[in-house]
Amino acid sequence: MKYRALSFDCYGTLIDWERGIAEWLGAWAQRNGLDVPGEELVRRLFDAQVVEQRHDTFLSYRSVLSRSLACLSESCGIPADEGVCARFAKSVGDWPAFDDSARSLEALARQRRILCVISNVDRDLFAGSAAQLEREFDILITADDVKGYKPGPRHFDTLVASLGERGLGEDDLLHVAHSRFHDIVPANARGWTSCRVARHGDKWAPEGADVIEGTFSVVHMKDVVDLLDRIDPA
């Protein structure tokens, strides 16, 4: 078995963050009498989040989400409410998993592959997502662990070190992710084998982001299982 370790981005790959945020913002907009399309609200929030993650001083993901909603509120003419912003940040654990995520992870775990997550999230917020995925991952690396955000190098460097402690190297790894910007581009730059899960196309890439594919490209997580059954059977 060549790919003894699989690393995953979580939000957009395993968890449907777009649906989770859209549902939350839709209810928020209705309460505040806003007539703005849900996708437009998600786009504005995403753009604000990208800005918040680029601060020179590290901000927890909880703070990033809270500040992003405050920015969105003000842009919509709604006073930012600290309690509402905090509840939004806490909602991460309620964002739904894609239908095929838990089953696919279970199939990969049965093959005795090491399953890893490297994610731009806080460790405590990830706990709810892990419960939805019905999985305790072998390696979990979060933004608050490394005090940084992908596509920066810290998640990737820490993963290499963690795999090394298990006697594994980068050649043993397949990195699986949706986002070109946050994952596929930096993984490819390191010479990693990568697999892009193109669930929502690429509409959430920051403006000007490189359009680069992974070594492999699929549409769903179940396709990753099928791919490995074909190219690297356990």
C-alpha atoms as a PDB file:
ATOM      1  CA  MET A   1       0.000   0.000   0.000  1.00  0.00           C
ATOM      2  CA  LYS A   2       1.635   3.252  -1.172  1.00  0.00           C
ATOM      3  CA  TYR A   3      -0.610   5.871   0.439  1.00  0.00           C
ATOM      4  CA  ARG A   4      -0.480   4.777   4.048  1.00  0.00           C
ATOM      5  CA  ALA A   5      -1.626   8.209   5.226  1.00  0.00           C
ATOM      6  CA  LEU A   6      -4.439  10.386   3.913  1.00  0.00           C
ATOM      7  CA  SER A   7      -4.721  14.034   4.932  1.00  0.00           C
ATOM      8  CA  PHE A   8      -7.961  15.941   4.482  1.00  0.00           C
ATOM      9  CA  ASP A   9      -9.092  19.485   4.525  1.00  0.00           C
ATOM     10  CA  CYS A  10     -12.368  19.468   6.453  1.00  0.00           C
ATOM     11  CA  TYR A  11     -14.651  22.367   5.534  1.00  0.00           C
ATOM     12  CA  GLY A  12     -15.678  22.114   1.902  1.00  0.00           C
ATOM     13  CA  THR A  13     -14.285  18.596   1.620  1.00  0.00           C
ATOM     14  CA  LEU A  14     -15.923  16.642   4.457  1.00  0.00           C
ATOM     15  CA  ILE A  15     -18.250  19.256   5.964  1.00  0.00           C
ATOM     16  CA  ASP A  16     -20.629  21.368   3.849  1.00  0.00           C
ATOM     17  CA  TRP A  17     -19.646  24.749   5.278  1.00  0.00           C
ATOM     18  CA  GLU A  18     -21.465  26.607   2.484  1.00  0.00           C
ATOM     19  CA  ARG A  19     -24.814  25.032   3.370  1.00  0.00           C
ATOM     20  CA  GLY A  20     -24.229  25.487   7.094  1.00  0.00           C
ATOM     21  CA  ILE A  21     -23.357  29.163   6.767  1.00  0.00           C
ATOM     22  CA  ALA A  22     -26.105  29.848   4.206  1.00  0.00           C
ATOM     23  CA  GLU A  23     -28.770  28.380   6.492  1.00  0.00           C
ATOM     24  CA  TRP A  24     -27.514  30.352   9.489  1.00  0.00           C
ATOM     25  CA  LEU A  25     -27.232  33.618   7.551  1.00  0.00           C
ATOM     26  CA  GLY A  26     -30.630  33.060   5.923  1.00  0.00           C
ATOM     27  CA  ALA A  27     -32.310  32.900   9.322  1.00  0.00           C
ATOM     28  CA  TRP A  28     -30.256  35.889  10.511  1.00  0.00           C
ATOM     29  CA  ALA A  29     -31.237  37.935   7.446  1.00  0.00           C
ATOM     30  CA  GLN A  30     -34.919  37.093   7.904  1.00  0.00           C
ATOM     31  CA  ARG A  31     -34.828  38.182  11.550  1.00  0.00           C
ATOM     32  CA  ASN A  32     -33.291  41.482  10.484  1.00  0.00           C
ATOM     33  CA  GLY A  33     -35.589  42.108   7.522  1.00  0.00           C
ATOM     34  CA  LEU A  34     -32.824  41.802   4.934  1.00  0.00           C
ATOM     35  CA  ASP A  35     -33.713  40.987   1.345  1.00  0.00           C
ATOM     36  CA  VAL A  36     -30.309  39.793   0.125  1.00  0.00           C
ATOM     37  CA  PRO A  37     -29.748  36.489  -1.735  1.00  0.00           C
ATOM     38  CA  GLY A  38     -28.198  33.818   0.485  1.00  0.00           C
ATOM     39  CA  GLU A  39     -25.233  33.228  -1.809  1.00  0.00           C
ATOM     40  CA  GLU A  40     -24.453  36.957  -1.793  1.00  0.00           C
ATOM     41  CA  LEU A  41     -24.378  36.939   2.020  1.00  0.00           C
ATOM     42  CA  VAL A  42     -22.062  33.921   2.039  1.00  0.00           C
ATOM     43  CA  ARG A  43     -19.772  35.622  -0.491  1.00  0.00           C
ATOM     44  CA  ARG A  44     -19.557  38.807   1.578  1.00  0.00           C
ATOM     45  CA  LEU A  45     -18.827  36.817   4.714  1.00  0.00           C
ATOM     46  CA  PHE A  46     -16.192  34.718   2.929  1.00  0.00           C
ATOM     47  CA  ASP A  47     -14.438  37.843   1.632  1.00  0.00           C
ATOM     48  CA  ALA A  48     -14.412  39.339   5.134  1.00  0.00           C
ATOM     49  CA  GLN A  49     -13.045  36.086   6.548  1.00  0.00           C
ATOM     50  CA  VAL A  50     -10.135  36.055   4.075  1.00  0.00           C
ATOM     51  CA  VAL A  51      -9.183  39.564   5.233  1.00  0.00           C
ATOM     52  CA  GLU A  52      -9.380  38.619   8.924  1.00  0.00           C
ATOM     53  CA  GLN A  53      -7.141  35.569   8.398  1.00  0.00           C
ATOM     54  CA  ARG A  54      -4.419  37.760   6.904  1.00  0.00           C
ATOM     55  CA  HIS A  55      -3.759  39.814  10.045  1.00  0.00           C
ATOM     56  CA  ASP A  56      -0.126  39.891  11.128  1.00  0.00           C
ATOM     57  CA  THR A  57      -1.237  38.842  14.614  1.00  0.00           C
ATOM     58  CA  PHE A  58      -2.934  35.436  14.740  1.00  0.00           C
ATOM     59  CA  LEU A  59      -6.655  35.438  15.483  1.00  0.00           C
ATOM     60  CA  SER A  60      -8.491  32.285  16.527  1.00  0.00           C
ATOM     61  CA  TYR A  61     -11.019  31.020  14.001  1.00  0.00           C
ATOM     62  CA  ARG A  62     -13.752  31.783  16.524  1.00  0.00           C
ATOM     63  CA  SER A  63     -12.596  35.411  16.453  1.00  0.00           C
ATOM     64  CA  VAL A  64     -12.306  35.392  12.654  1.00  0.00           C
ATOM     65  CA  LEU A  65     -15.912  34.239  12.266  1.00  0.00           C
ATOM     66  CA  SER A  66     -17.216  36.641  14.897  1.00  0.00           C
ATOM     67  CA  ARG A  67     -15.415  39.615  13.366  1.00  0.00           C
ATOM     68  CA  SER A  68     -16.490  38.585   9.861  1.00  0.00           C
ATOM     69  CA  LEU A  69     -20.159  38.583  10.853  1.00  0.00           C
ATOM     70  CA  ALA A  70     -19.684  41.953  12.538  1.00  0.00           C
ATOM     71  CA  CYS A  71     -18.232  43.288   9.279  1.00  0.00           C
ATOM     72  CA  LEU A  72     -21.124  41.804   7.287  1.00  0.00           C
ATOM     73  CA  SER A  73     -23.651  43.273   9.727  1.00  0.00           C
ATOM     74  CA  GLU A  74     -22.222  46.753   9.381  1.00  0.00           C
ATOM     75  CA  SER A  75     -22.119  46.484   5.566  1.00  0.00           C
ATOM     76  CA  CYS A  76     -25.839  45.634   5.671  1.00  0.00           C
ATOM     77  CA  GLY A  77     -26.645  48.560   7.968  1.00  0.00           C
ATOM     78  CA  ILE A  78     -27.246  46.334  11.000  1.00  0.00           C
ATOM     79  CA  PRO A  79     -25.497  47.099  14.296  1.00  0.00           C
ATOM     80  CA  ALA A  80     -23.076  44.298  15.151  1.00  0.00           C
ATOM     81  CA  ASP A  81     -24.269  42.329  18.186  1.00  0.00           C
ATOM     82  CA  GLU A  82     -21.486  40.657  20.146  1.00  0.00           C
ATOM     83  CA  GLY A  83     -23.713  37.836  21.380  1.00  0.00           C
ATOM     84  CA  VAL A  84     -25.059  37.081  17.906  1.00  0.00           C
ATOM     85  CA  CYS A  85     -21.531  37.067  16.477  1.00  0.00           C
ATOM     86  CA  ALA A  86     -20.416  34.655  19.202  1.00  0.00           C
ATOM     87  CA  ARG A  87     -23.340  32.320  18.482  1.00  0.00           C
ATOM     88  CA  PHE A  88     -22.475  32.342  14.801  1.00  0.00           C
ATOM     89  CA  ALA A  89     -18.881  31.337  15.541  1.00  0.00           C
ATOM     90  CA  LYS A  90     -20.106  28.521  17.770  1.00  0.00           C
ATOM     91  CA  SER A  91     -22.317  27.193  14.947  1.00  0.00           C
ATOM     92  CA  VAL A  92     -19.321  25.557  13.195  1.00  0.00           C
ATOM     93  CA  GLY A  93     -20.055  22.254  14.906  1.00  0.00           C
ATOM     94  CA  ASP A  94     -23.605  22.316  13.511  1.00  0.00           C
ATOM     95  CA  TRP A  95     -22.572  22.683   9.874  1.00  0.00           C
ATOM     96  CA  PRO A  96     -23.660  19.448   8.183  1.00  0.00           C
ATOM     97  CA  ALA A  97     -21.379  16.753   6.838  1.00  0.00           C
ATOM     98  CA  PHE A  98     -21.701  15.835   3.185  1.00  0.00           C
ATOM     99  CA  ASP A  99     -23.789  12.679   2.841  1.00  0.00           C
ATOM    100  CA  ASP A 100     -20.876  10.504   1.724  1.00  0.00           C
ATOM    101  CA  SER A 101     -18.221  11.739   4.168  1.00  0.00           C
ATOM    102  CA  ALA A 102     -18.713   9.453   7.186  1.00  0.00           C
ATOM    103  CA  ARG A 103     -19.177   6.318   5.071  1.00  0.00           C
ATOM    104  CA  SER A 104     -16.124   7.093   2.966  1.00  0.00           C
ATOM    105  CA  LEU A 105     -13.935   7.759   5.996  1.00  0.00           C
ATOM    106  CA  GLU A 106     -15.070   4.494   7.554  1.00  0.00           C
ATOM    107  CA  ALA A 107     -14.176   2.612   4.362  1.00  0.00           C
ATOM    108  CA  LEU A 108     -10.717   4.200   4.325  1.00  0.00           C
ATOM    109  CA  ALA A 109     -10.179   3.486   8.023  1.00  0.00           C
ATOM    110  CA  ARG A 110     -10.986  -0.188   7.427  1.00  0.00           C
ATOM    111  CA  GLN A 111      -8.068  -0.217   5.007  1.00  0.00           C
ATOM    112  CA  ARG A 112      -5.839   0.707   7.979  1.00  0.00           C
ATOM    113  CA  ARG A 113      -4.766   3.998   6.474  1.00  0.00           C
ATOM    114  CA  ILE A 114      -3.776   6.810   8.841  1.00  0.00           C
ATOM    115  CA  LEU A 115      -6.461   9.504   8.579  1.00  0.00           C
ATOM    116  CA  CYS A 116      -5.421  13.105   9.207  1.00  0.00           C
ATOM    117  CA  VAL A 117      -7.181  16.474   9.145  1.00  0.00           C
ATOM    118  CA  ILE A 118      -5.410  19.799   8.640  1.00  0.00           C
ATOM    119  CA  SER A 119      -7.946  22.585   8.954  1.00  0.00           C
ATOM    120  CA  ASN A 120      -8.361  26.334   9.383  1.00  0.00           C
ATOM    121  CA  VAL A 121     -10.461  25.929  12.517  1.00  0.00           C
ATOM    122  CA  ASP A 122     -10.116  25.929  16.308  1.00  0.00           C
ATOM    123  CA  ARG A 123      -9.716  22.541  17.943  1.00  0.00           C
ATOM    124  CA  ASP A 124     -12.738  22.974  20.222  1.00  0.00           C
ATOM    125  CA  LEU A 125     -14.969  24.037  17.317  1.00  0.00           C
ATOM    126  CA  PHE A 126     -13.860  20.994  15.325  1.00  0.00           C
ATOM    127  CA  ALA A 127     -15.216  18.647  17.994  1.00  0.00           C
ATOM    128  CA  GLY A 128     -18.782  19.021  16.715  1.00  0.00           C
ATOM    129  CA  SER A 129     -17.661  18.332  13.158  1.00  0.00           C
ATOM    130  CA  ALA A 130     -15.778  15.212  14.236  1.00  0.00           C
ATOM    131  CA  ALA A 131     -18.953  13.935  15.885  1.00  0.00           C
ATOM    132  CA  GLN A 132     -20.903  14.436  12.650  1.00  0.00           C
ATOM    133  CA  LEU A 133     -18.176  12.599  10.745  1.00  0.00           C
ATOM    134  CA  GLU A 134     -18.325   9.792  13.339  1.00  0.00           C
ATOM    135  CA  ARG A 135     -14.560   9.764  13.430  1.00  0.00           C
ATOM    136  CA  GLU A 136     -11.660  10.332  15.774  1.00  0.00           C
ATOM    137  CA  PHE A 137      -8.796  11.175  13.453  1.00  0.00           C
ATOM    138  CA  ASP A 138      -5.305   9.788  13.914  1.00  0.00           C
ATOM    139  CA  ILE A 139      -3.755  13.226  13.412  1.00  0.00           C
ATOM    140  CA  LEU A 140      -5.571  16.559  13.798  1.00  0.00           C
ATOM    141  CA  ILE A 141      -3.826  19.861  13.106  1.00  0.00           C
ATOM    142  CA  THR A 142      -5.837  23.050  13.581  1.00  0.00           C
ATOM    143  CA  ALA A 143      -5.225  26.752  13.146  1.00  0.00           C
ATOM    144  CA  ASP A 144      -4.960  27.350  16.877  1.00  0.00           C
ATOM    145  CA  ASP A 145      -2.432  24.511  17.150  1.00  0.00           C
ATOM    146  CA  VAL A 146      -0.044  26.153  14.679  1.00  0.00           C
ATOM    147  CA  LYS A 147      -1.091  29.799  15.099  1.00  0.00           C
ATOM    148  CA  GLY A 148      -1.632  30.245  11.392  1.00  0.00           C
ATOM    149  CA  TYR A 149      -3.904  29.588   8.440  1.00  0.00           C
ATOM    150  CA  LYS A 150      -3.532  27.684   5.204  1.00  0.00           C
ATOM    151  CA  PRO A 151      -2.246  28.259   2.563  1.00  0.00           C
ATOM    152  CA  GLY A 152       0.577  29.247   4.896  1.00  0.00           C
ATOM    153  CA  PRO A 153       3.147  26.528   5.642  1.00  0.00           C
ATOM    154  CA  ARG A 154       2.528  25.742   9.309  1.00  0.00           C
ATOM    155  CA  HIS A 155      -0.208  23.116   8.937  1.00  0.00           C
ATOM    156  CA  PHE A 156       1.803  21.323   6.274  1.00  0.00           C
ATOM    157  CA  ASP A 157       5.095  21.475   8.179  1.00  0.00           C
ATOM    158  CA  THR A 158       3.419  20.154  11.324  1.00  0.00           C
ATOM    159  CA  LEU A 159       1.819  17.308   9.396  1.00  0.00           C
ATOM    160  CA  VAL A 160       5.203  16.266   7.994  1.00  0.00           C
ATOM    161  CA  ALA A 161       6.639  16.227  11.520  1.00  0.00           C
ATOM    162  CA  SER A 162       3.688  14.230  12.876  1.00  0.00           C
ATOM    163  CA  LEU A 163       3.969  11.656  10.101  1.00  0.00           C
ATOM    164  CA  GLY A 164       7.700  11.418  10.721  1.00  0.00           C
ATOM    165  CA  GLU A 165       6.991  10.423  14.311  1.00  0.00           C
ATOM    166  CA  ARG A 166       5.074   7.456  12.880  1.00  0.00           C
ATOM    167  CA  GLY A 167       7.875   6.498  10.533  1.00  0.00           C
ATOM    168  CA  LEU A 168       6.128   7.915   7.471  1.00  0.00           C
ATOM    169  CA  GLY A 169       7.319  10.405   4.882  1.00  0.00           C
ATOM    170  CA  GLU A 170       5.724  12.699   2.335  1.00  0.00           C
ATOM    171  CA  ASP A 171       5.804   9.957  -0.312  1.00  0.00           C
ATOM    172  CA  ASP A 172       3.434   7.919   1.884  1.00  0.00           C
ATOM    173  CA  LEU A 173       0.821  10.691   1.831  1.00  0.00           C
ATOM    174  CA  LEU A 174      -2.160  11.572  -0.354  1.00  0.00           C
ATOM    175  CA  HIS A 175      -3.627  15.009   0.419  1.00  0.00           C
ATOM    176  CA  VAL A 176      -7.368  15.291  -0.278  1.00  0.00           C
ATOM    177  CA  ALA A 177      -9.079  18.682  -0.417  1.00  0.00           C
ATOM    178  CA  HIS A 178     -11.599  20.854  -2.192  1.00  0.00           C
ATOM    179  CA  SER A 179      -9.854  24.228  -2.143  1.00  0.00           C
ATOM    180  CA  ARG A 180      -7.199  24.872  -4.735  1.00  0.00           C
ATOM    181  CA  PHE A 181      -6.072  28.047  -2.961  1.00  0.00           C
ATOM    182  CA  HIS A 182      -5.817  26.699   0.588  1.00  0.00           C
ATOM    183  CA  ASP A 183      -4.675  23.136  -0.126  1.00  0.00           C
ATOM    184  CA  ILE A 184      -3.998  21.928  -3.652  1.00  0.00           C
ATOM    185  CA  VAL A 185      -1.594  24.718  -4.645  1.00  0.00           C
ATOM    186  CA  PRO A 186       0.580  24.457  -1.489  1.00  0.00           C
ATOM    187  CA  ALA A 187       0.455  20.639  -1.554  1.00  0.00           C
ATOM    188  CA  ASN A 188       1.553  20.541  -5.181  1.00  0.00           C
ATOM    189  CA  ALA A 189       4.334  23.037  -4.446  1.00  0.00           C
ATOM    190  CA  ARG A 190       5.720  20.565  -1.913  1.00  0.00           C
ATOM    191  CA  GLY A 191       5.663  17.751  -4.430  1.00  0.00           C
ATOM    192  CA  TRP A 192       2.861  15.933  -2.621  1.00  0.00           C
ATOM    193  CA  THR A 193       0.398  13.693  -4.389  1.00  0.00           C
ATOM    194  CA  SER A 194      -2.971  15.425  -4.134  1.00  0.00           C
ATOM    195  CA  CYS A 195      -6.596  14.729  -4.970  1.00  0.00           C
ATOM    196  CA  ARG A 196      -9.044  17.564  -5.498  1.00  0.00           C
ATOM    197  CA  VAL A 197     -12.659  16.928  -4.507  1.00  0.00           C
ATOM    198  CA  ALA A 198     -14.494  19.421  -6.724  1.00  0.00           C
ATOM    199  CA  ARG A 199     -17.774  19.532  -4.807  1.00  0.00           C
ATOM    200  CA  HIS A 200     -18.752  23.154  -5.532  1.00  0.00           C
ATOM    201  CA  GLY A 201     -16.535  23.873  -8.514  1.00  0.00           C
ATOM    202  CA  ASP A 202     -14.209  26.721  -7.495  1.00  0.00           C
ATOM    203  CA  LYS A 203     -16.511  29.649  -6.794  1.00  0.00           C
ATOM    204  CA  TRP A 204     -15.036  30.386  -3.362  1.00  0.00           C
ATOM    205  CA  ALA A 205     -11.437  30.884  -4.488  1.00  0.00           C
ATOM    206  CA  PRO A 206     -10.104  34.371  -3.693  1.00  0.00           C
ATOM    207  CA  GLU A 207      -9.848  36.643  -6.715  1.00  0.00           C
ATOM    208  CA  GLY A 208      -6.650  35.990  -8.663  1.00  0.00           C
ATOM    209  CA  ALA A 209      -6.039  32.551  -7.125  1.00  0.00           C
ATOM    210  CA  ASP A 210      -4.151  30.065  -9.283  1.00  0.00           C
ATOM    211  CA  VAL A 211      -6.303  27.519 -11.130  1.00  0.00           C
ATOM    212  CA  ILE A 212      -4.270  24.377 -10.496  1.00  0.00           C
ATOM    213  CA  GLU A 213      -5.580  20.832 -10.313  1.00  0.00           C
ATOM    214  CA  GLY A 214      -4.479  18.044  -8.029  1.00  0.00           C
ATOM    215  CA  THR A 215      -2.660  14.948  -9.185  1.00  0.00           C
ATOM    216  CA  PHE A 216      -6.132  13.408  -9.253  1.00  0.00           C
ATOM    217  CA  SER A 217      -9.543  15.058  -9.447  1.00  0.00           C
ATOM    218  CA  VAL A 218     -12.894  13.654  -8.301  1.00  0.00           C
ATOM    219  CA  VAL A 219     -16.318  15.058  -7.436  1.00  0.00           C
ATOM    220  CA  HIS A 220     -17.305  13.263  -4.220  1.00  0.00           C
ATOM    221  CA  MET A 221     -15.587  11.638  -1.258  1.00  0.00           C
ATOM    222  CA  LYS A 222     -16.886   8.237  -2.310  1.00  0.00           C
ATOM    223  CA  ASP A 223     -14.886   8.751  -5.505  1.00  0.00           C
ATOM    224  CA  VAL A 224     -11.721   8.955  -3.390  1.00  0.00           C
ATOM    225  CA  VAL A 225     -12.475   5.476  -2.034  1.00  0.00           C
ATOM    226  CA  ASP A 226     -13.017   4.193  -5.569  1.00  0.00           C
ATOM    227  CA  LEU A 227      -9.809   5.872  -6.752  1.00  0.00           C
ATOM    228  CA  LEU A 228      -7.713   4.241  -4.043  1.00  0.00           C
ATOM    229  CA  ASP A 229      -9.349   0.870  -4.644  1.00  0.00           C
ATOM    230  CA  ARG A 230      -8.151   1.214  -8.221  1.00  0.00           C
ATOM    231  CA  ILE A 231      -4.649   2.700  -7.876  1.00  0.00           C
ATOM    232  CA  ASP A 232      -3.599   1.623  -4.378  1.00  0.00           C
ATOM    233  CA  PRO A 233      -5.629  -1.325  -3.050  1.00  0.00           C
ATOM    234  CA  ALA A 234      -5.103  -2.140   0.602  1.00  0.00           C
END
